[in-house]
Protein backbone atom coordinates (compact mmCIF):
# COMPACT_ATOMS: atom_id res chain seq x y z
CA MET A 1 0.06 -0.03 0.01
CA GLU A 2 1.05 3.61 -0.72
CA SER A 3 1.85 5.76 2.35
CA ILE A 4 -0.63 8.34 3.73
CA ARG A 5 0.34 11.81 5.11
CA PHE A 6 -1.85 13.45 7.85
CA ILE A 7 -1.72 16.04 10.77
CA HIS A 8 -1.89 14.74 14.09
CA THR A 9 -2.83 17.52 16.80
CA ALA A 10 -4.58 17.44 20.36
CA ASP A 11 -5.23 19.64 23.29
CA LEU A 12 -6.03 23.12 21.28
CA HIS A 13 -7.60 24.58 24.52
CA LEU A 14 -9.23 27.24 22.40
CA GLY A 15 -10.41 30.16 24.62
CA SER A 16 -8.13 29.28 27.50
CA PRO A 17 -8.50 31.95 30.07
CA PHE A 18 -4.76 31.89 31.18
CA ILE A 19 -5.55 32.15 35.00
CA GLY A 20 -2.89 33.40 37.11
CA MET A 21 -1.21 35.92 34.85
CA ARG A 22 -0.67 39.35 36.37
CA ASP A 23 0.46 42.91 35.39
CA LEU A 24 0.68 42.50 31.80
CA GLN A 25 -0.05 45.64 29.74
CA LYS A 26 -3.34 45.77 27.84
CA GLU A 27 -1.38 44.91 24.38
CA GLN A 28 0.39 41.88 26.00
CA TRP A 29 -2.61 40.56 27.67
CA GLN A 30 -4.52 40.58 24.33
CA LYS A 31 -1.59 38.92 22.68
CA LEU A 32 -1.67 36.34 25.15
CA LYS A 33 -5.32 35.80 25.44
CA ASP A 34 -5.60 35.37 21.67
CA SER A 35 -2.52 33.00 21.51
CA THR A 36 -4.31 29.55 21.40
CA LEU A 37 -6.63 30.94 18.48
CA GLU A 38 -3.74 32.30 16.43
CA ALA A 39 -1.88 28.84 16.94
CA PHE A 40 -4.86 27.04 15.76
CA ASP A 41 -5.00 29.56 12.72
CA ARG A 42 -1.28 28.39 12.00
CA LEU A 43 -2.43 24.85 12.05
CA ILE A 44 -5.17 25.50 9.65
CA ASN A 45 -2.86 27.47 7.45
CA TYR A 46 -0.42 24.79 7.40
CA ALA A 47 -3.05 22.10 6.30
CA LEU A 48 -4.27 24.29 3.48
CA LYS A 49 -0.89 24.83 2.18
CA THR A 50 0.37 21.15 2.39
CA LYS A 51 -3.16 19.53 1.72
CA PRO A 52 -2.77 16.29 3.83
CA ASP A 53 -4.96 13.16 3.48
CA PHE A 54 -6.72 13.95 6.59
CA VAL A 55 -6.41 15.69 9.79
CA LEU A 56 -6.56 14.24 13.38
CA ILE A 57 -7.87 16.16 16.30
CA VAL A 58 -7.72 14.17 19.66
CA GLY A 59 -9.48 15.75 22.24
CA ASP A 60 -9.70 19.13 24.53
CA ILE A 61 -10.48 21.32 21.41
CA TYR A 62 -11.90 23.88 23.90
CA ASP A 63 -10.75 24.90 27.24
CA GLY A 64 -14.01 24.40 29.06
CA GLU A 65 -17.26 22.49 28.92
CA ASP A 66 -19.24 25.80 28.18
CA ARG A 67 -17.09 26.01 24.95
CA ASN A 68 -16.37 29.85 24.57
CA ILE A 69 -18.46 31.06 21.79
CA ARG A 70 -15.46 33.12 20.18
CA ALA A 71 -13.50 29.95 20.20
CA GLN A 72 -16.34 27.82 18.48
CA ALA A 73 -16.76 30.45 15.75
CA ARG A 74 -12.89 30.46 15.22
CA PHE A 75 -12.72 26.30 15.05
CA GLN A 76 -16.04 26.24 12.65
CA LYS A 77 -14.33 28.65 10.27
CA GLY A 78 -11.25 26.50 10.15
CA MET A 79 -13.19 23.45 9.52
CA GLN A 80 -15.00 25.24 6.88
CA GLN A 81 -11.70 26.30 5.34
CA LEU A 82 -10.61 22.63 5.29
CA ALA A 83 -13.84 21.67 3.77
CA ASN A 84 -13.33 23.96 0.88
CA GLN A 85 -10.19 22.18 0.13
CA LYS A 86 -11.91 18.80 0.39
CA ILE A 87 -9.58 17.95 3.55
CA PRO A 88 -11.37 15.49 5.83
CA VAL A 89 -11.03 16.08 9.89
CA ILE A 90 -11.52 13.18 12.36
CA MET A 91 -11.92 14.28 15.84
CA CYS A 92 -13.03 13.36 19.24
CA TYR A 93 -13.77 15.58 22.34
CA GLY A 94 -11.91 15.21 25.69
CA ASN A 95 -12.27 15.82 29.41
CA HIS A 96 -12.24 19.58 29.00
CA ASP A 97 -15.02 19.88 26.31
CA HIS A 98 -16.91 16.70 27.12
CA LEU A 99 -20.35 16.08 25.53
CA SER A 100 -22.45 16.87 28.73
CA GLY A 101 -21.58 20.34 28.77
CA ASN A 102 -23.81 23.22 28.29
CA TRP A 103 -22.98 25.48 25.20
CA THR A 104 -24.37 27.41 22.24
CA ARG A 105 -23.94 24.85 19.32
CA PHE A 106 -22.24 25.61 15.91
CA GLU A 107 -22.89 23.03 13.05
CA LEU A 108 -19.64 21.60 11.67
CA PRO A 109 -19.43 21.06 7.97
CA GLU A 110 -19.59 17.68 6.44
CA ASN A 111 -15.94 17.02 6.09
CA VAL A 112 -15.74 16.46 9.86
CA HIS A 113 -16.36 13.31 11.63
CA ALA A 114 -16.77 13.45 15.53
CA PHE A 115 -16.82 10.24 17.50
CA ASP A 116 -19.86 10.16 20.05
CA ASP A 117 -19.36 8.68 23.51
CA THR A 118 -19.09 5.21 22.75
CA VAL A 119 -16.14 3.58 21.18
CA SER A 120 -16.91 3.25 17.23
CA GLN A 121 -15.19 2.98 13.98
CA PHE A 122 -15.09 5.27 10.89
CA LYS A 123 -13.73 4.44 7.57
CA LEU A 124 -12.39 7.01 5.22
CA ALA A 125 -11.40 6.50 1.49
CA THR A 126 -8.07 7.96 0.58
CA ALA A 127 -5.96 7.95 -2.73
CA SER A 128 -3.95 5.31 -1.19
CA GLY A 129 -6.83 3.02 0.06
CA PRO A 130 -9.19 2.97 2.99
CA VAL A 131 -8.13 3.93 6.41
CA THR A 132 -10.15 2.75 9.55
CA PHE A 133 -10.34 5.04 12.80
CA THR A 134 -11.33 3.99 16.10
CA GLY A 135 -12.13 6.35 19.03
CA PHE A 136 -14.56 8.00 21.44
CA SER A 137 -15.54 11.22 22.74
CA TYR A 138 -15.99 11.92 26.56
CA GLY A 139 -19.54 11.61 27.57
CA LYS A 140 -18.76 13.01 30.83
CA ARG A 141 -15.82 15.04 32.41
CA HIS A 142 -14.36 12.06 34.57
CA ILE A 143 -13.76 8.96 32.81
CA SER A 144 -11.63 6.82 35.15
CA GLU A 145 -12.18 3.31 33.40
CA SER A 146 -9.90 1.82 30.78
CA MET A 147 -11.58 2.38 27.39
CA VAL A 148 -9.26 0.73 25.33
CA LYS A 149 -10.37 -2.66 26.20
CA GLN A 150 -13.37 -1.73 24.05
CA TYR A 151 -11.25 -0.92 20.97
CA PRO A 152 -11.27 -3.97 18.54
CA VAL A 153 -8.19 -5.66 17.09
CA ALA A 154 -7.42 -4.76 13.70
CA GLN A 155 -8.53 -7.37 11.18
CA ASN A 156 -7.42 -6.65 7.54
CA GLN A 157 -4.41 -5.07 5.86
CA GLU A 158 -5.85 -1.57 5.33
CA TYR A 159 -4.59 1.29 7.58
CA HIS A 160 -5.88 1.22 11.38
CA ILE A 161 -5.52 4.23 13.22
CA GLY A 162 -6.67 4.74 17.10
CA LEU A 163 -7.64 8.04 18.58
CA LEU A 164 -7.60 7.81 22.25
CA HIS A 165 -7.54 10.93 24.85
CA GLY A 166 -6.09 9.41 27.97
CA SER A 167 -3.42 8.68 30.30
CA LEU A 168 -0.51 6.18 30.35
CA GLU A 169 -1.35 4.10 33.52
CA GLY A 170 0.99 5.20 36.43
CA ASP A 171 1.79 8.73 35.06
CA SER A 172 0.94 11.02 37.75
CA THR A 173 2.11 14.20 35.95
CA HIS A 174 -1.25 14.82 34.63
CA ALA A 175 -4.96 14.17 35.89
CA VAL A 176 -5.63 10.43 34.94
CA TYR A 177 -8.24 9.97 32.49
CA ALA A 178 -9.19 6.67 30.47
CA PRO A 179 -5.85 5.09 31.62
CA PHE A 180 -4.09 2.51 29.42
CA LYS A 181 -1.00 0.30 29.26
CA LYS A 182 1.41 0.56 26.31
CA GLU A 183 1.24 -3.20 26.11
CA GLN A 184 -2.75 -2.71 25.52
CA LEU A 185 -2.34 -0.32 22.68
CA LEU A 186 0.27 -2.73 20.86
CA SER A 187 -2.14 -5.70 21.25
CA LYS A 188 -4.78 -3.97 18.87
CA GLN A 189 -2.41 -4.16 15.91
CA TYR A 190 -3.03 -0.76 14.72
CA ASP A 191 -0.67 1.23 12.58
CA TYR A 192 -0.56 4.43 14.40
CA TRP A 193 -1.98 5.45 17.84
CA ALA A 194 -2.88 9.12 17.89
CA LEU A 195 -2.99 10.22 21.64
CA GLY A 196 -4.17 13.66 23.40
CA HIS A 197 -4.54 14.85 26.96
CA ILE A 198 -0.72 14.98 27.92
CA HIS A 199 0.64 18.74 27.02
CA LYS A 200 4.17 17.17 26.73
CA ARG A 201 5.22 16.08 23.38
CA GLN A 202 6.49 12.57 23.46
CA GLU A 203 6.53 9.09 21.66
CA LEU A 204 5.75 6.15 23.72
CA ALA A 205 6.64 3.59 21.10
CA ASN A 206 8.02 3.56 17.57
CA GLU A 207 6.73 0.22 15.85
CA PRO A 208 3.87 1.06 15.63
CA ALA A 209 4.14 4.83 16.79
CA ILE A 210 2.23 5.88 19.80
CA VAL A 211 2.41 9.50 20.07
CA TYR A 212 1.45 12.35 22.20
CA PRO A 213 1.85 15.76 20.11
CA GLY A 214 1.31 18.05 23.17
CA ASN A 215 -0.57 21.19 22.81
CA ILE A 216 -0.43 23.76 20.19
CA GLN A 217 0.22 26.60 22.75
CA GLY A 218 1.82 26.82 26.24
CA ARG A 219 -0.63 28.20 28.72
CA HIS A 220 1.49 28.50 31.75
CA ARG A 221 4.92 28.29 33.28
CA LYS A 222 4.82 24.44 33.45
CA GLU A 223 4.19 24.26 29.72
CA THR A 224 7.72 25.36 28.61
CA GLY A 225 9.29 25.22 25.03
CA VAL A 226 7.99 25.28 21.65
CA LYS A 227 4.69 23.94 20.94
CA GLY A 228 2.85 22.45 17.77
CA PHE A 229 1.80 19.35 16.01
CA TYR A 230 2.93 16.47 14.15
CA GLU A 231 2.90 15.89 10.42
CA VAL A 232 2.81 12.20 9.92
CA THR A 233 3.83 10.16 6.80
CA LEU A 234 2.73 6.50 7.45
CA SER A 235 3.28 3.34 5.55
CA LYS A 236 3.09 -0.29 6.62
CA ALA A 237 6.79 -0.16 6.81
CA THR A 238 7.89 3.18 8.52
CA THR A 239 6.39 6.11 10.34
CA GLN A 240 7.98 9.49 9.71
CA LEU A 241 7.09 12.22 12.20
CA ALA A 242 7.70 15.99 11.46
CA PHE A 243 7.11 18.40 14.23
CA ILE A 244 5.53 21.55 12.87
CA PRO A 245 5.81 24.55 15.55
CA THR A 246 2.87 26.77 16.21
CA SER A 247 3.58 28.63 19.35
CA VAL A 248 2.74 32.40 19.51
CA VAL A 249 3.83 32.97 22.98
CA GLN A 250 6.32 30.71 24.43
CA PHE A 251 6.72 29.97 28.17
CA ASP A 252 10.26 29.19 29.11
CA ARG A 253 13.09 29.51 31.67
CA VAL A 254 15.82 31.46 30.78
CA ALA A 255 19.33 31.13 32.83
CA VAL A 256 21.49 34.57 33.00
CA SER A 257 25.00 34.08 34.40
CA ALA A 258 25.71 36.73 37.22
CA LYS A 259 29.16 35.47 37.44
CA GLY A 260 31.51 38.56 38.20
CA ILE A 261 28.51 41.06 38.39
CA VAL A 262 28.99 43.81 41.13
CA HIS A 263 26.82 46.51 39.67
CA MET A 264 23.30 46.84 38.84
CA ASN A 265 24.09 48.31 35.33
CA GLU A 266 25.85 45.00 34.45
CA LEU A 267 23.14 42.92 35.61
CA ILE A 268 20.83 44.69 33.36
CA GLU A 269 22.96 44.62 30.23
CA ALA A 270 23.34 40.89 31.01
CA CYS A 271 19.65 40.13 30.82
CA GLN A 272 19.19 42.50 27.90
CA ASP A 273 21.86 40.68 25.84
CA LYS A 274 20.48 37.05 26.82
CA LEU A 275 16.83 37.85 26.13
CA SER A 276 17.61 39.43 22.99
CA LEU A 277 19.14 36.38 21.76
CA PHE A 278 16.35 34.06 23.21
CA THR A 279 13.60 36.03 21.41
CA GLN A 280 15.51 35.76 18.15
CA GLY A 281 14.60 32.06 18.17
CA ALA A 282 11.49 32.02 20.21
CA GLY A 283 9.71 35.10 19.32
CA ALA A 284 7.12 36.49 21.86
CA ALA A 285 7.52 34.76 25.20
CA ILE A 286 7.00 34.77 29.17
CA ILE A 287 9.74 33.67 31.14
CA GLU A 288 10.94 32.52 34.33
CA LEU A 289 14.44 34.57 34.99
CA VAL A 290 17.07 32.35 36.63
CA PHE A 291 20.31 33.92 37.84
CA THR A 292 22.81 31.45 38.03
CA GLU A 293 26.51 31.35 39.23
CA LEU A 294 25.77 34.00 42.07
CA ASP A 295 28.61 34.40 44.39
CA GLN A 296 28.17 35.85 47.73
CA GLU A 297 28.58 39.65 46.60
CA SER A 298 26.22 39.23 43.57
CA PHE A 299 23.62 37.37 45.67
CA GLN A 300 23.82 40.28 48.23
CA LEU A 301 23.30 42.44 45.40
CA LEU A 302 20.06 40.97 44.45
CA ALA A 303 18.81 39.69 47.87
CA GLU A 304 18.72 43.42 49.35
CA ILE A 305 16.22 44.22 46.56
CA PRO A 306 12.47 43.46 47.00
CA GLU A 307 11.42 40.92 44.44
CA SER A 308 8.61 43.41 43.15
CA GLU A 309 11.09 46.13 42.64
CA LEU A 310 13.48 44.08 40.84
CA LEU A 311 10.99 42.53 38.62
CA GLU A 312 9.61 46.13 37.77
CA MET A 313 13.14 47.37 37.03
CA LEU A 314 14.00 44.58 34.68
CA ARG A 315 10.66 44.78 33.02
CA GLU A 316 11.24 48.35 32.08
CA SER A 317 14.74 47.55 31.00
CA ILE A 318 13.50 45.26 28.26
CA ALA A 319 10.44 47.09 27.28
CA GLU A 320 11.69 48.25 24.03
CA MET A 321 12.94 44.98 22.65
CA GLU A 322 11.89 43.95 19.29
CA TRP A 323 9.74 40.92 20.67
CA PHE A 324 7.34 41.06 23.52
CA VAL A 325 8.98 39.27 26.34
CA TRP A 326 7.61 39.32 30.03
CA ILE A 327 9.42 38.27 32.96
CA GLN A 328 6.98 36.66 35.20
CA SER A 329 9.38 35.60 38.18
CA ILE A 330 12.82 35.62 39.18
CA GLN A 331 14.90 32.74 40.78
CA LEU A 332 18.41 33.19 42.41
CA GLN A 333 20.70 30.09 42.20
CA GLN A 334 23.39 30.97 44.61
CA VAL A 335 26.76 28.85 44.39
CA GLU A 336 26.54 26.60 47.65
CA GLN A 337 27.90 28.60 50.55
CA ASP A 338 26.41 26.68 53.72
CA SER A 339 29.06 28.23 55.97
CA GLU A 340 27.47 31.57 55.35
CA LEU A 341 24.06 30.70 56.29
CA SER A 342 23.11 30.82 59.89
CA PRO A 343 22.66 27.41 61.69
CA ILE A 344 18.81 27.87 62.13
CA GLY A 345 18.61 28.77 58.41
CA ALA A 346 20.61 25.62 57.41
CA THR A 347 18.27 23.55 59.66
CA LEU A 348 15.09 25.16 57.95
CA ILE A 349 16.17 24.36 54.61
CA GLU A 350 16.90 20.79 55.42
CA THR A 351 13.68 20.21 57.01
CA ILE A 352 11.70 21.74 54.20
CA GLU A 353 13.70 19.79 51.63
CA SER A 354 12.86 16.34 53.50
CA TRP A 355 9.19 17.01 53.12
CA GLU A 356 7.27 14.70 50.76
CA ILE A 357 4.25 15.56 48.52
CA ASP A 358 1.82 14.45 51.42
CA ASN A 359 3.58 16.78 53.98
CA TRP A 360 2.89 19.72 51.51
CA LYS A 361 -0.63 18.91 50.78
CA ALA A 362 -1.18 18.80 54.76
CA ILE A 363 0.45 22.18 55.31
CA LEU A 364 -1.35 23.76 52.32
CA LYS A 365 -4.82 22.18 52.71
CA ASP A 366 -6.59 25.16 54.17
CA LEU A 367 -5.46 27.15 51.36
CA TYR A 368 -6.61 24.34 48.66
CA ARG A 369 -9.96 24.03 50.52
CA HIS A 370 -10.75 27.82 50.38
CA PRO A 371 -13.73 28.17 48.00
CA LYS A 372 -12.61 31.17 45.85
CA SER A 373 -8.90 30.78 45.93
CA SER A 374 -8.58 26.91 45.31
CA ARG A 375 -9.73 27.32 41.85
CA PHE A 376 -6.69 29.58 40.91
CA LEU A 377 -4.09 27.09 42.28
CA GLU A 378 -1.93 24.50 40.50
CA ALA A 379 -2.08 21.04 41.50
CA VAL A 380 0.44 19.94 44.05
CA ASP A 381 2.68 17.62 41.99
CA ASP A 382 6.41 16.75 41.96
CA GLN A 383 7.07 19.99 39.82
CA THR A 384 5.30 22.11 42.13
CA VAL A 385 6.90 21.04 45.34
CA GLY A 386 10.38 21.30 43.83
CA GLU A 387 9.57 25.06 42.91
CA LEU A 388 8.24 25.49 46.27
CA GLN A 389 11.19 23.97 48.12
CA LEU A 390 13.36 26.31 45.81
CA ALA A 391 11.60 29.43 46.46
CA THR A 392 11.40 28.91 50.07
CA ALA A 393 15.15 28.22 50.41
CA GLN A 394 15.79 31.23 48.46
CA LYS A 395 13.84 33.31 50.87
CA ILE A 396 15.44 31.74 53.82
CA ARG A 397 18.85 32.28 52.25
CA ARG A 398 17.79 36.24 51.66
CA ARG A 399 16.80 36.55 55.38
CA MET A 400 19.03 34.33 57.42
CA GLN A 401 22.66 34.70 56.25
CA ALA A 402 25.02 34.16 59.25
CA GLY A 403 25.54 37.42 61.27
CA GLU A 404 22.03 38.83 60.55
């Protein structure tokens, strides 16, 4: 059989509210607010230019079950553009945009096949022969059972592709929905598994390919790096994946060496040089600025300045850069000098570093149970705990140097 070529994308999260972003200027906030929609436009424009055999969209097209009306209008327009070029779309809905939500409906064009809430198959005729797709949409927000058990085994030599919005069993980095084991997917003898739900781009297997494309636009500081989708060329012998970037605003961490710096103007210049170089490749960005190689003198230079003032000053210093770049937070990585830390400070840091996730959950439980604030907080996971430990240790070092 001849090869087929298609686009695999997932987790568009159109209409994402970008909760937790503060202090952005009006123009910057609008760019961030529109970023998921613009990233989607980049995907559509690429499909119109390259004319794949079909497009796969594997869940969480919208960010919420109410399906933001502006986001729906943009999606419907994109689907119609593909319909005008006779490009089929096969899609499913995920946990964020499940079928039990309440939304104002838009009718999608006939080139779009959306799976319902039961596992079913759909067959598409292509120039290279028929392709059978198997998948389902979330009928409710929480699906804890293993849906892959209901996927039939491939029975003939035509192409078989599985769409599955769910989690690898045992993966605690994301909320667990429709869990599966890699061996279960392999046992179905499909030619390609198009996954969604995990926002980090990854390949779980090569033969056959089991792929998460990640989301098309980062939405917060934990979704760092370039985002996009895969263009897939599939034959019975090989699978070729080409990553196509779509990020409009990139979330990332940028390290700036403070080695040898003793004056603030030197620090400003180092930040300007590093961020100018970074944005040449990344474009617009929201970053966490990490000062590295801090000796006692450079650490003290920064530690004496309130973080809010340091942020304001650095933001102003890069305001005239060609690309929009926003410093969301600052971290200080001091060269280890435990002898310079007071005994009680060293003990506090050692104690905090020994805490496990359960300890942090117990300490933060009142905050997370608050009816208003809890919805703005990120889940307490390994990455969050690591960041809390680093930030807490940094504040202790600032306040409890030996002799203070």
